[in-house]
């Protein structure tokens, strides 16, 4: 089961691997 929950992942770098951080 997969549900939307109240967090968003902000991408800060799109090199070989996606870098970023979670925010409420």
PDBML (XML) file of the C-alpha atoms, coordinates in Angstrom:
<?xml version="1.0" encoding="UTF-8" ?>
<PDBx:datablock datablockName="MODEL"
   xmlns:PDBx="http://pdbml.pdb.org/schema/pdbx-v50.xsd"
   xmlns:xsi="http://www.w3.org/2001/XMLSchema-instance"
   xsi:schemaLocation="http://pdbml.pdb.org/schema/pdbx-v50.xsd pdbx-v50.xsd">
   <PDBx:atom_siteCategory>
      <PDBx:atom_site id="1">
         <PDBx:B_iso_or_equiv>0.00</PDBx:B_iso_or_equiv>
         <PDBx:Cartn_x>0.000</PDBx:Cartn_x>
         <PDBx:Cartn_y>0.000</PDBx:Cartn_y>
         <PDBx:Cartn_z>0.000</PDBx:Cartn_z>
         <PDBx:auth_asym_id>A</PDBx:auth_asym_id>
         <PDBx:auth_atom_id>CA</PDBx:auth_atom_id>
         <PDBx:auth_comp_id>UNK</PDBx:auth_comp_id>
         <PDBx:auth_seq_id>1</PDBx:auth_seq_id>
         <PDBx:group_PDB>ATOM</PDBx:group_PDB>
         <PDBx:label_alt_id xsi:nil="true" />
         <PDBx:label_asym_id>A</PDBx:label_asym_id>
         <PDBx:label_atom_id>CA</PDBx:label_atom_id>
         <PDBx:label_comp_id>UNK</PDBx:label_comp_id>
         <PDBx:label_entity_id>1</PDBx:label_entity_id>
         <PDBx:label_seq_id>1</PDBx:label_seq_id>
         <PDBx:occupancy>1.00</PDBx:occupancy>
         <PDBx:pdbx_PDB_model_num>1</PDBx:pdbx_PDB_model_num>
         <PDBx:type_symbol>C</PDBx:type_symbol>
      </PDBx:atom_site>
      <PDBx:atom_site id="2">
         <PDBx:B_iso_or_equiv>0.00</PDBx:B_iso_or_equiv>
         <PDBx:Cartn_x>1.342</PDBx:Cartn_x>
         <PDBx:Cartn_y>3.427</PDBx:Cartn_y>
         <PDBx:Cartn_z>-0.924</PDBx:Cartn_z>
         <PDBx:auth_asym_id>A</PDBx:auth_asym_id>
         <PDBx:auth_atom_id>CA</PDBx:auth_atom_id>
         <PDBx:auth_comp_id>UNK</PDBx:auth_comp_id>
         <PDBx:auth_seq_id>2</PDBx:auth_seq_id>
         <PDBx:group_PDB>ATOM</PDBx:group_PDB>
         <PDBx:label_alt_id xsi:nil="true" />
         <PDBx:label_asym_id>A</PDBx:label_asym_id>
         <PDBx:label_atom_id>CA</PDBx:label_atom_id>
         <PDBx:label_comp_id>UNK</PDBx:label_comp_id>
         <PDBx:label_entity_id>1</PDBx:label_entity_id>
         <PDBx:label_seq_id>2</PDBx:label_seq_id>
         <PDBx:occupancy>1.00</PDBx:occupancy>
         <PDBx:pdbx_PDB_model_num>1</PDBx:pdbx_PDB_model_num>
         <PDBx:type_symbol>C</PDBx:type_symbol>
      </PDBx:atom_site>
      <PDBx:atom_site id="3">
         <PDBx:B_iso_or_equiv>0.00</PDBx:B_iso_or_equiv>
         <PDBx:Cartn_x>-0.197</PDBx:Cartn_x>
         <PDBx:Cartn_y>6.659</PDBx:Cartn_y>
         <PDBx:Cartn_z>0.372</PDBx:Cartn_z>
         <PDBx:auth_asym_id>A</PDBx:auth_asym_id>
         <PDBx:auth_atom_id>CA</PDBx:auth_atom_id>
         <PDBx:auth_comp_id>UNK</PDBx:auth_comp_id>
         <PDBx:auth_seq_id>3</PDBx:auth_seq_id>
         <PDBx:group_PDB>ATOM</PDBx:group_PDB>
         <PDBx:label_alt_id xsi:nil="true" />
         <PDBx:label_asym_id>A</PDBx:label_asym_id>
         <PDBx:label_atom_id>CA</PDBx:label_atom_id>
         <PDBx:label_comp_id>UNK</PDBx:label_comp_id>
         <PDBx:label_entity_id>1</PDBx:label_entity_id>
         <PDBx:label_seq_id>3</PDBx:label_seq_id>
         <PDBx:occupancy>1.00</PDBx:occupancy>
         <PDBx:pdbx_PDB_model_num>1</PDBx:pdbx_PDB_model_num>
         <PDBx:type_symbol>C</PDBx:type_symbol>
      </PDBx:atom_site>
      <PDBx:atom_site id="4">
         <PDBx:B_iso_or_equiv>0.00</PDBx:B_iso_or_equiv>
         <PDBx:Cartn_x>0.474</PDBx:Cartn_x>
         <PDBx:Cartn_y>10.336</PDBx:Cartn_y>
         <PDBx:Cartn_z>-0.157</PDBx:Cartn_z>
         <PDBx:auth_asym_id>A</PDBx:auth_asym_id>
         <PDBx:auth_atom_id>CA</PDBx:auth_atom_id>
         <PDBx:auth_comp_id>UNK</PDBx:auth_comp_id>
         <PDBx:auth_seq_id>4</PDBx:auth_seq_id>
         <PDBx:group_PDB>ATOM</PDBx:group_PDB>
         <PDBx:label_alt_id xsi:nil="true" />
         <PDBx:label_asym_id>A</PDBx:label_asym_id>
         <PDBx:label_atom_id>CA</PDBx:label_atom_id>
         <PDBx:label_comp_id>UNK</PDBx:label_comp_id>
         <PDBx:label_entity_id>1</PDBx:label_entity_id>
         <PDBx:label_seq_id>4</PDBx:label_seq_id>
         <PDBx:occupancy>1.00</PDBx:occupancy>
         <PDBx:pdbx_PDB_model_num>1</PDBx:pdbx_PDB_model_num>
         <PDBx:type_symbol>C</PDBx:type_symbol>
      </PDBx:atom_site>
      <PDBx:atom_site id="5">
         <PDBx:B_iso_or_equiv>0.00</PDBx:B_iso_or_equiv>
         <PDBx:Cartn_x>1.654</PDBx:Cartn_x>
         <PDBx:Cartn_y>11.903</PDBx:Cartn_y>
         <PDBx:Cartn_z>3.109</PDBx:Cartn_z>
         <PDBx:auth_asym_id>A</PDBx:auth_asym_id>
         <PDBx:auth_atom_id>CA</PDBx:auth_atom_id>
         <PDBx:auth_comp_id>UNK</PDBx:auth_comp_id>
         <PDBx:auth_seq_id>5</PDBx:auth_seq_id>
         <PDBx:group_PDB>ATOM</PDBx:group_PDB>
         <PDBx:label_alt_id xsi:nil="true" />
         <PDBx:label_asym_id>A</PDBx:label_asym_id>
         <PDBx:label_atom_id>CA</PDBx:label_atom_id>
         <PDBx:label_comp_id>UNK</PDBx:label_comp_id>
         <PDBx:label_entity_id>1</PDBx:label_entity_id>
         <PDBx:label_seq_id>5</PDBx:label_seq_id>
         <PDBx:occupancy>1.00</PDBx:occupancy>
         <PDBx:pdbx_PDB_model_num>1</PDBx:pdbx_PDB_model_num>
         <PDBx:type_symbol>C</PDBx:type_symbol>
      </PDBx:atom_site>
      <PDBx:atom_site id="6">
         <PDBx:B_iso_or_equiv>0.00</PDBx:B_iso_or_equiv>
         <PDBx:Cartn_x>2.500</PDBx:Cartn_x>
         <PDBx:Cartn_y>15.497</PDBx:Cartn_y>
         <PDBx:Cartn_z>4.007</PDBx:Cartn_z>
         <PDBx:auth_asym_id>A</PDBx:auth_asym_id>
         <PDBx:auth_atom_id>CA</PDBx:auth_atom_id>
         <PDBx:auth_comp_id>UNK</PDBx:auth_comp_id>
         <PDBx:auth_seq_id>6</PDBx:auth_seq_id>
         <PDBx:group_PDB>ATOM</PDBx:group_PDB>
         <PDBx:label_alt_id xsi:nil="true" />
         <PDBx:label_asym_id>A</PDBx:label_asym_id>
         <PDBx:label_atom_id>CA</PDBx:label_atom_id>
         <PDBx:label_comp_id>UNK</PDBx:label_comp_id>
         <PDBx:label_entity_id>1</PDBx:label_entity_id>
         <PDBx:label_seq_id>6</PDBx:label_seq_id>
         <PDBx:occupancy>1.00</PDBx:occupancy>
         <PDBx:pdbx_PDB_model_num>1</PDBx:pdbx_PDB_model_num>
         <PDBx:type_symbol>C</PDBx:type_symbol>
      </PDBx:atom_site>
      <PDBx:atom_site id="7">
         <PDBx:B_iso_or_equiv>0.00</PDBx:B_iso_or_equiv>
         <PDBx:Cartn_x>6.156</PDBx:Cartn_x>
         <PDBx:Cartn_y>15.775</PDBx:Cartn_y>
         <PDBx:Cartn_z>2.989</PDBx:Cartn_z>
         <PDBx:auth_asym_id>A</PDBx:auth_asym_id>
         <PDBx:auth_atom_id>CA</PDBx:auth_atom_id>
         <PDBx:auth_comp_id>UNK</PDBx:auth_comp_id>
         <PDBx:auth_seq_id>7</PDBx:auth_seq_id>
         <PDBx:group_PDB>ATOM</PDBx:group_PDB>
         <PDBx:label_alt_id xsi:nil="true" />
         <PDBx:label_asym_id>A</PDBx:label_asym_id>
         <PDBx:label_atom_id>CA</PDBx:label_atom_id>
         <PDBx:label_comp_id>UNK</PDBx:label_comp_id>
         <PDBx:label_entity_id>1</PDBx:label_entity_id>
         <PDBx:label_seq_id>7</PDBx:label_seq_id>
         <PDBx:occupancy>1.00</PDBx:occupancy>
         <PDBx:pdbx_PDB_model_num>1</PDBx:pdbx_PDB_model_num>
         <PDBx:type_symbol>C</PDBx:type_symbol>
      </PDBx:atom_site>
      <PDBx:atom_site id="8">
         <PDBx:B_iso_or_equiv>0.00</PDBx:B_iso_or_equiv>
         <PDBx:Cartn_x>7.925</PDBx:Cartn_x>
         <PDBx:Cartn_y>17.046</PDBx:Cartn_y>
         <PDBx:Cartn_z>-0.123</PDBx:Cartn_z>
         <PDBx:auth_asym_id>A</PDBx:auth_asym_id>
         <PDBx:auth_atom_id>CA</PDBx:auth_atom_id>
         <PDBx:auth_comp_id>UNK</PDBx:auth_comp_id>
         <PDBx:auth_seq_id>8</PDBx:auth_seq_id>
         <PDBx:group_PDB>ATOM</PDBx:group_PDB>
         <PDBx:label_alt_id xsi:nil="true" />
         <PDBx:label_asym_id>A</PDBx:label_asym_id>
         <PDBx:label_atom_id>CA</PDBx:label_atom_id>
         <PDBx:label_comp_id>UNK</PDBx:label_comp_id>
         <PDBx:label_entity_id>1</PDBx:label_entity_id>
         <PDBx:label_seq_id>8</PDBx:label_seq_id>
         <PDBx:occupancy>1.00</PDBx:occupancy>
         <PDBx:pdbx_PDB_model_num>1</PDBx:pdbx_PDB_model_num>
         <PDBx:type_symbol>C</PDBx:type_symbol>
      </PDBx:atom_site>
      <PDBx:atom_site id="9">
         <PDBx:B_iso_or_equiv>0.00</PDBx:B_iso_or_equiv>
         <PDBx:Cartn_x>11.410</PDBx:Cartn_x>
         <PDBx:Cartn_y>16.272</PDBx:Cartn_y>
         <PDBx:Cartn_z>-1.427</PDBx:Cartn_z>
         <PDBx:auth_asym_id>A</PDBx:auth_asym_id>
         <PDBx:auth_atom_id>CA</PDBx:auth_atom_id>
         <PDBx:auth_comp_id>UNK</PDBx:auth_comp_id>
         <PDBx:auth_seq_id>9</PDBx:auth_seq_id>
         <PDBx:group_PDB>ATOM</PDBx:group_PDB>
         <PDBx:label_alt_id xsi:nil="true" />
         <PDBx:label_asym_id>A</PDBx:label_asym_id>
         <PDBx:label_atom_id>CA</PDBx:label_atom_id>
         <PDBx:label_comp_id>UNK</PDBx:label_comp_id>
         <PDBx:label_entity_id>1</PDBx:label_entity_id>
         <PDBx:label_seq_id>9</PDBx:label_seq_id>
         <PDBx:occupancy>1.00</PDBx:occupancy>
         <PDBx:pdbx_PDB_model_num>1</PDBx:pdbx_PDB_model_num>
         <PDBx:type_symbol>C</PDBx:type_symbol>
      </PDBx:atom_site>
      <PDBx:atom_site id="10">
         <PDBx:B_iso_or_equiv>0.00</PDBx:B_iso_or_equiv>
         <PDBx:Cartn_x>13.220</PDBx:Cartn_x>
         <PDBx:Cartn_y>19.359</PDBx:Cartn_y>
         <PDBx:Cartn_z>-2.733</PDBx:Cartn_z>
         <PDBx:auth_asym_id>A</PDBx:auth_asym_id>
         <PDBx:auth_atom_id>CA</PDBx:auth_atom_id>
         <PDBx:auth_comp_id>UNK</PDBx:auth_comp_id>
         <PDBx:auth_seq_id>10</PDBx:auth_seq_id>
         <PDBx:group_PDB>ATOM</PDBx:group_PDB>
         <PDBx:label_alt_id xsi:nil="true" />
         <PDBx:label_asym_id>A</PDBx:label_asym_id>
         <PDBx:label_atom_id>CA</PDBx:label_atom_id>
         <PDBx:label_comp_id>UNK</PDBx:label_comp_id>
         <PDBx:label_entity_id>1</PDBx:label_entity_id>
         <PDBx:label_seq_id>10</PDBx:label_seq_id>
         <PDBx:occupancy>1.00</PDBx:occupancy>
         <PDBx:pdbx_PDB_model_num>1</PDBx:pdbx_PDB_model_num>
         <PDBx:type_symbol>C</PDBx:type_symbol>
      </PDBx:atom_site>
      <PDBx:atom_site id="11">
         <PDBx:B_iso_or_equiv>0.00</PDBx:B_iso_or_equiv>
         <PDBx:Cartn_x>15.879</PDBx:Cartn_x>
         <PDBx:Cartn_y>18.536</PDBx:Cartn_y>
         <PDBx:Cartn_z>-5.353</PDBx:Cartn_z>
         <PDBx:auth_asym_id>A</PDBx:auth_asym_id>
         <PDBx:auth_atom_id>CA</PDBx:auth_atom_id>
         <PDBx:auth_comp_id>UNK</PDBx:auth_comp_id>
         <PDBx:auth_seq_id>11</PDBx:auth_seq_id>
         <PDBx:group_PDB>ATOM</PDBx:group_PDB>
         <PDBx:label_alt_id xsi:nil="true" />
         <PDBx:label_asym_id>A</PDBx:label_asym_id>
         <PDBx:label_atom_id>CA</PDBx:label_atom_id>
         <PDBx:label_comp_id>UNK</PDBx:label_comp_id>
         <PDBx:label_entity_id>1</PDBx:label_entity_id>
         <PDBx:label_seq_id>11</PDBx:label_seq_id>
         <PDBx:occupancy>1.00</PDBx:occupancy>
         <PDBx:pdbx_PDB_model_num>1</PDBx:pdbx_PDB_model_num>
         <PDBx:type_symbol>C</PDBx:type_symbol>
      </PDBx:atom_site>
      <PDBx:atom_site id="12">
         <PDBx:B_iso_or_equiv>0.00</PDBx:B_iso_or_equiv>
         <PDBx:Cartn_x>19.029</PDBx:Cartn_x>
         <PDBx:Cartn_y>20.652</PDBx:Cartn_y>
         <PDBx:Cartn_z>-5.028</PDBx:Cartn_z>
         <PDBx:auth_asym_id>A</PDBx:auth_asym_id>
         <PDBx:auth_atom_id>CA</PDBx:auth_atom_id>
         <PDBx:auth_comp_id>UNK</PDBx:auth_comp_id>
         <PDBx:auth_seq_id>12</PDBx:auth_seq_id>
         <PDBx:group_PDB>ATOM</PDBx:group_PDB>
         <PDBx:label_alt_id xsi:nil="true" />
         <PDBx:label_asym_id>A</PDBx:label_asym_id>
         <PDBx:label_atom_id>CA</PDBx:label_atom_id>
         <PDBx:label_comp_id>UNK</PDBx:label_comp_id>
         <PDBx:label_entity_id>1</PDBx:label_entity_id>
         <PDBx:label_seq_id>12</PDBx:label_seq_id>
         <PDBx:occupancy>1.00</PDBx:occupancy>
         <PDBx:pdbx_PDB_model_num>1</PDBx:pdbx_PDB_model_num>
         <PDBx:type_symbol>C</PDBx:type_symbol>
      </PDBx:atom_site>
      <PDBx:atom_site id="13">
         <PDBx:B_iso_or_equiv>0.00</PDBx:B_iso_or_equiv>
         <PDBx:Cartn_x>21.366</PDBx:Cartn_x>
         <PDBx:Cartn_y>18.814</PDBx:Cartn_y>
         <PDBx:Cartn_z>-7.433</PDBx:Cartn_z>
         <PDBx:auth_asym_id>A</PDBx:auth_asym_id>
         <PDBx:auth_atom_id>CA</PDBx:auth_atom_id>
         <PDBx:auth_comp_id>UNK</PDBx:auth_comp_id>
         <PDBx:auth_seq_id>13</PDBx:auth_seq_id>
         <PDBx:group_PDB>ATOM</PDBx:group_PDB>
         <PDBx:label_alt_id xsi:nil="true" />
         <PDBx:label_asym_id>A</PDBx:label_asym_id>
         <PDBx:label_atom_id>CA</PDBx:label_atom_id>
         <PDBx:label_comp_id>UNK</PDBx:label_comp_id>
         <PDBx:label_entity_id>1</PDBx:label_entity_id>
         <PDBx:label_seq_id>13</PDBx:label_seq_id>
         <PDBx:occupancy>1.00</PDBx:occupancy>
         <PDBx:pdbx_PDB_model_num>1</PDBx:pdbx_PDB_model_num>
         <PDBx:type_symbol>C</PDBx:type_symbol>
      </PDBx:atom_site>
      <PDBx:atom_site id="14">
         <PDBx:B_iso_or_equiv>0.00</PDBx:B_iso_or_equiv>
         <PDBx:Cartn_x>20.663</PDBx:Cartn_x>
         <PDBx:Cartn_y>16.718</PDBx:Cartn_y>
         <PDBx:Cartn_z>-10.558</PDBx:Cartn_z>
         <PDBx:auth_asym_id>A</PDBx:auth_asym_id>
         <PDBx:auth_atom_id>CA</PDBx:auth_atom_id>
         <PDBx:auth_comp_id>UNK</PDBx:auth_comp_id>
         <PDBx:auth_seq_id>14</PDBx:auth_seq_id>
         <PDBx:group_PDB>ATOM</PDBx:group_PDB>
         <PDBx:label_alt_id xsi:nil="true" />
         <PDBx:label_asym_id>A</PDBx:label_asym_id>
         <PDBx:label_atom_id>CA</PDBx:label_atom_id>
         <PDBx:label_comp_id>UNK</PDBx:label_comp_id>
         <PDBx:label_entity_id>1</PDBx:label_entity_id>
         <PDBx:label_seq_id>14</PDBx:label_seq_id>
         <PDBx:occupancy>1.00</PDBx:occupancy>
         <PDBx:pdbx_PDB_model_num>1</PDBx:pdbx_PDB_model_num>
         <PDBx:type_symbol>C</PDBx:type_symbol>
      </PDBx:atom_site>
      <PDBx:atom_site id="15">
         <PDBx:B_iso_or_equiv>0.00</PDBx:B_iso_or_equiv>
         <PDBx:Cartn_x>24.070</PDBx:Cartn_x>
         <PDBx:Cartn_y>15.129</PDBx:Cartn_y>
         <PDBx:Cartn_z>-11.155</PDBx:Cartn_z>
         <PDBx:auth_asym_id>A</PDBx:auth_asym_id>
         <PDBx:auth_atom_id>CA</PDBx:auth_atom_id>
         <PDBx:auth_comp_id>UNK</PDBx:auth_comp_id>
         <PDBx:auth_seq_id>15</PDBx:auth_seq_id>
         <PDBx:group_PDB>ATOM</PDBx:group_PDB>
         <PDBx:label_alt_id xsi:nil="true" />
         <PDBx:label_asym_id>A</PDBx:label_asym_id>
         <PDBx:label_atom_id>CA</PDBx:label_atom_id>
         <PDBx:label_comp_id>UNK</PDBx:label_comp_id>
         <PDBx:label_entity_id>1</PDBx:label_entity_id>
         <PDBx:label_seq_id>15</PDBx:label_seq_id>
         <PDBx:occupancy>1.00</PDBx:occupancy>
         <PDBx:pdbx_PDB_model_num>1</PDBx:pdbx_PDB_model_num>
         <PDBx:type_symbol>C</PDBx:type_symbol>
      </PDBx:atom_site>
      <PDBx:atom_site id="16">
         <PDBx:B_iso_or_equiv>0.00</PDBx:B_iso_or_equiv>
         <PDBx:Cartn_x>24.540</PDBx:Cartn_x>
         <PDBx:Cartn_y>11.363</PDBx:Cartn_y>
         <PDBx:Cartn_z>-11.358</PDBx:Cartn_z>
         <PDBx:auth_asym_id>A</PDBx:auth_asym_id>
         <PDBx:auth_atom_id>CA</PDBx:auth_atom_id>
         <PDBx:auth_comp_id>UNK</PDBx:auth_comp_id>
         <PDBx:auth_seq_id>16</PDBx:auth_seq_id>
         <PDBx:group_PDB>ATOM</PDBx:group_PDB>
         <PDBx:label_alt_id xsi:nil="true" />
         <PDBx:label_asym_id>A</PDBx:label_asym_id>
         <PDBx:label_atom_id>CA</PDBx:label_atom_id>
         <PDBx:label_comp_id>UNK</PDBx:label_comp_id>
         <PDBx:label_entity_id>1</PDBx:label_entity_id>
         <PDBx:label_seq_id>16</PDBx:label_seq_id>
         <PDBx:occupancy>1.00</PDBx:occupancy>
         <PDBx:pdbx_PDB_model_num>1</PDBx:pdbx_PDB_model_num>
         <PDBx:type_symbol>C</PDBx:type_symbol>
      </PDBx:atom_site>
      <PDBx:atom_site id="17">
         <PDBx:B_iso_or_equiv>0.00</PDBx:B_iso_or_equiv>
         <PDBx:Cartn_x>22.321</PDBx:Cartn_x>
         <PDBx:Cartn_y>10.918</PDBx:Cartn_y>
         <PDBx:Cartn_z>-8.294</PDBx:Cartn_z>
         <PDBx:auth_asym_id>A</PDBx:auth_asym_id>
         <PDBx:auth_atom_id>CA</PDBx:auth_atom_id>
         <PDBx:auth_comp_id>UNK</PDBx:auth_comp_id>
         <PDBx:auth_seq_id>17</PDBx:auth_seq_id>
         <PDBx:group_PDB>ATOM</PDBx:group_PDB>
         <PDBx:label_alt_id xsi:nil="true" />
         <PDBx:label_asym_id>A</PDBx:label_asym_id>
         <PDBx:label_atom_id>CA</PDBx:label_atom_id>
         <PDBx:label_comp_id>UNK</PDBx:label_comp_id>
         <PDBx:label_entity_id>1</PDBx:label_entity_id>
         <PDBx:label_seq_id>17</PDBx:label_seq_id>
         <PDBx:occupancy>1.00</PDBx:occupancy>
         <PDBx:pdbx_PDB_model_num>1</PDBx:pdbx_PDB_model_num>
         <PDBx:type_symbol>C</PDBx:type_symbol>
      </PDBx:atom_site>
      <PDBx:atom_site id="18">
         <PDBx:B_iso_or_equiv>0.00</PDBx:B_iso_or_equiv>
         <PDBx:Cartn_x>19.508</PDBx:Cartn_x>
         <PDBx:Cartn_y>13.186</PDBx:Cartn_y>
         <PDBx:Cartn_z>-7.262</PDBx:Cartn_z>
         <PDBx:auth_asym_id>A</PDBx:auth_asym_id>
         <PDBx:auth_atom_id>CA</PDBx:auth_atom_id>
         <PDBx:auth_comp_id>UNK</PDBx:auth_comp_id>
         <PDBx:auth_seq_id>18</PDBx:auth_seq_id>
         <PDBx:group_PDB>ATOM</PDBx:group_PDB>
         <PDBx:label_alt_id xsi:nil="true" />
         <PDBx:label_asym_id>A</PDBx:label_asym_id>
         <PDBx:label_atom_id>CA</PDBx:label_atom_id>
         <PDBx:label_comp_id>UNK</PDBx:label_comp_id>
         <PDBx:label_entity_id>1</PDBx:label_entity_id>
         <PDBx:label_seq_id>18</PDBx:label_seq_id>
         <PDBx:occupancy>1.00</PDBx:occupancy>
         <PDBx:pdbx_PDB_model_num>1</PDBx:pdbx_PDB_model_num>
         <PDBx:type_symbol>C</PDBx:type_symbol>
      </PDBx:atom_site>
      <PDBx:atom_site id="19">
         <PDBx:B_iso_or_equiv>0.00</PDBx:B_iso_or_equiv>
         <PDBx:Cartn_x>20.448</PDBx:Cartn_x>
         <PDBx:Cartn_y>15.208</PDBx:Cartn_y>
         <PDBx:Cartn_z>-4.197</PDBx:Cartn_z>
         <PDBx:auth_asym_id>A</PDBx:auth_asym_id>
         <PDBx:auth_atom_id>CA</PDBx:auth_atom_id>
         <PDBx:auth_comp_id>UNK</PDBx:auth_comp_id>
         <PDBx:auth_seq_id>19</PDBx:auth_seq_id>
         <PDBx:group_PDB>ATOM</PDBx:group_PDB>
         <PDBx:label_alt_id xsi:nil="true" />
         <PDBx:label_asym_id>A</PDBx:label_asym_id>
         <PDBx:label_atom_id>CA</PDBx:label_atom_id>
         <PDBx:label_comp_id>UNK</PDBx:label_comp_id>
         <PDBx:label_entity_id>1</PDBx:label_entity_id>
         <PDBx:label_seq_id>19</PDBx:label_seq_id>
         <PDBx:occupancy>1.00</PDBx:occupancy>
         <PDBx:pdbx_PDB_model_num>1</PDBx:pdbx_PDB_model_num>
         <PDBx:type_symbol>C</PDBx:type_symbol>
      </PDBx:atom_site>
      <PDBx:atom_site id="20">
         <PDBx:B_iso_or_equiv>0.00</PDBx:B_iso_or_equiv>
         <PDBx:Cartn_x>17.994</PDBx:Cartn_x>
         <PDBx:Cartn_y>17.075</PDBx:Cartn_y>
         <PDBx:Cartn_z>-2.027</PDBx:Cartn_z>
         <PDBx:auth_asym_id>A</PDBx:auth_asym_id>
         <PDBx:auth_atom_id>CA</PDBx:auth_atom_id>
         <PDBx:auth_comp_id>UNK</PDBx:auth_comp_id>
         <PDBx:auth_seq_id>20</PDBx:auth_seq_id>
         <PDBx:group_PDB>ATOM</PDBx:group_PDB>
         <PDBx:label_alt_id xsi:nil="true" />
         <PDBx:label_asym_id>A</PDBx:label_asym_id>
         <PDBx:label_atom_id>CA</PDBx:label_atom_id>
         <PDBx:label_comp_id>UNK</PDBx:label_comp_id>
         <PDBx:label_entity_id>1</PDBx:label_entity_id>
         <PDBx:label_seq_id>20</PDBx:label_seq_id>
         <PDBx:occupancy>1.00</PDBx:occupancy>
         <PDBx:pdbx_PDB_model_num>1</PDBx:pdbx_PDB_model_num>
         <PDBx:type_symbol>C</PDBx:type_symbol>
      </PDBx:atom_site>
      <PDBx:atom_site id="21">
         <PDBx:B_iso_or_equiv>0.00</PDBx:B_iso_or_equiv>
         <PDBx:Cartn_x>16.195</PDBx:Cartn_x>
         <PDBx:Cartn_y>17.121</PDBx:Cartn_y>
         <PDBx:Cartn_z>1.303</PDBx:Cartn_z>
         <PDBx:auth_asym_id>A</PDBx:auth_asym_id>
         <PDBx:auth_atom_id>CA</PDBx:auth_atom_id>
         <PDBx:auth_comp_id>UNK</PDBx:auth_comp_id>
         <PDBx:auth_seq_id>21</PDBx:auth_seq_id>
         <PDBx:group_PDB>ATOM</PDBx:group_PDB>
         <PDBx:label_alt_id xsi:nil="true" />
         <PDBx:label_asym_id>A</PDBx:label_asym_id>
         <PDBx:label_atom_id>CA</PDBx:label_atom_id>
         <PDBx:label_comp_id>UNK</PDBx:label_comp_id>
         <PDBx:label_entity_id>1</PDBx:label_entity_id>
         <PDBx:label_seq_id>21</PDBx:label_seq_id>
         <PDBx:occupancy>1.00</PDBx:occupancy>
         <PDBx:pdbx_PDB_model_num>1</PDBx:pdbx_PDB_model_num>
         <PDBx:type_symbol>C</PDBx:type_symbol>
      </PDBx:atom_site>
      <PDBx:atom_site id="22">
         <PDBx:B_iso_or_equiv>0.00</PDBx:B_iso_or_equiv>
         <PDBx:Cartn_x>12.791</PDBx:Cartn_x>
         <PDBx:Cartn_y>16.466</PDBx:Cartn_y>
         <PDBx:Cartn_z>2.815</PDBx:Cartn_z>
         <PDBx:auth_asym_id>A</PDBx:auth_asym_id>
         <PDBx:auth_atom_id>CA</PDBx:auth_atom_id>
         <PDBx:auth_comp_id>UNK</PDBx:auth_comp_id>
         <PDBx:auth_seq_id>22</PDBx:auth_seq_id>
         <PDBx:group_PDB>ATOM</PDBx:group_PDB>
         <PDBx:label_alt_id xsi:nil="true" />
         <PDBx:label_asym_id>A</PDBx:label_asym_id>
         <PDBx:label_atom_id>CA</PDBx:label_atom_id>
         <PDBx:label_comp_id>UNK</PDBx:label_comp_id>
         <PDBx:label_entity_id>1</PDBx:label_entity_id>
         <PDBx:label_seq_id>22</PDBx:label_seq_id>
         <PDBx:occupancy>1.00</PDBx:occupancy>
         <PDBx:pdbx_PDB_model_num>1</PDBx:pdbx_PDB_model_num>
         <PDBx:type_symbol>C</PDBx:type_symbol>
      </PDBx:atom_site>
      <PDBx:atom_site id="23">
         <PDBx:B_iso_or_equiv>0.00</PDBx:B_iso_or_equiv>
         <PDBx:Cartn_x>10.575</PDBx:Cartn_x>
         <PDBx:Cartn_y>19.280</PDBx:Cartn_y>
         <PDBx:Cartn_z>4.049</PDBx:Cartn_z>
         <PDBx:auth_asym_id>A</PDBx:auth_asym_id>
         <PDBx:auth_atom_id>CA</PDBx:auth_atom_id>
         <PDBx:auth_comp_id>UNK</PDBx:auth_comp_id>
         <PDBx:auth_seq_id>23</PDBx:auth_seq_id>
         <PDBx:group_PDB>ATOM</PDBx:group_PDB>
         <PDBx:label_alt_id xsi:nil="true" />
         <PDBx:label_asym_id>A</PDBx:label_asym_id>
         <PDBx:label_atom_id>CA</PDBx:label_atom_id>
         <PDBx:label_comp_id>UNK</PDBx:label_comp_id>
         <PDBx:label_entity_id>1</PDBx:label_entity_id>
         <PDBx:label_seq_id>23</PDBx:label_seq_id>
         <PDBx:occupancy>1.00</PDBx:occupancy>
         <PDBx:pdbx_PDB_model_num>1</PDBx:pdbx_PDB_model_num>
         <PDBx:type_symbol>C</PDBx:type_symbol>
      </PDBx:atom_site>
      <PDBx:atom_site id="24">
         <PDBx:B_iso_or_equiv>0.00</PDBx:B_iso_or_equiv>
         <PDBx:Cartn_x>7.263</PDBx:Cartn_x>
         <PDBx:Cartn_y>19.321</PDBx:Cartn_y>
         <PDBx:Cartn_z>5.866</PDBx:Cartn_z>
         <PDBx:auth_asym_id>A</PDBx:auth_asym_id>
         <PDBx:auth_atom_id>CA</PDBx:auth_atom_id>
         <PDBx:auth_comp_id>UNK</PDBx:auth_comp_id>
         <PDBx:auth_seq_id>24</PDBx:auth_seq_id>
         <PDBx:group_PDB>ATOM</PDBx:group_PDB>
         <PDBx:label_alt_id xsi:nil="true" />
         <PDBx:label_asym_id>A</PDBx:label_asym_id>
         <PDBx:label_atom_id>CA</PDBx:label_atom_id>
         <PDBx:label_comp_id>UNK</PDBx:label_comp_id>
         <PDBx:label_entity_id>1</PDBx:label_entity_id>
         <PDBx:label_seq_id>24</PDBx:label_seq_id>
         <PDBx:occupancy>1.00</PDBx:occupancy>
         <PDBx:pdbx_PDB_model_num>1</PDBx:pdbx_PDB_model_num>
         <PDBx:type_symbol>C</PDBx:type_symbol>
      </PDBx:atom_site>
   </PDBx:atom_siteCategory>
</PDBx:datablock>
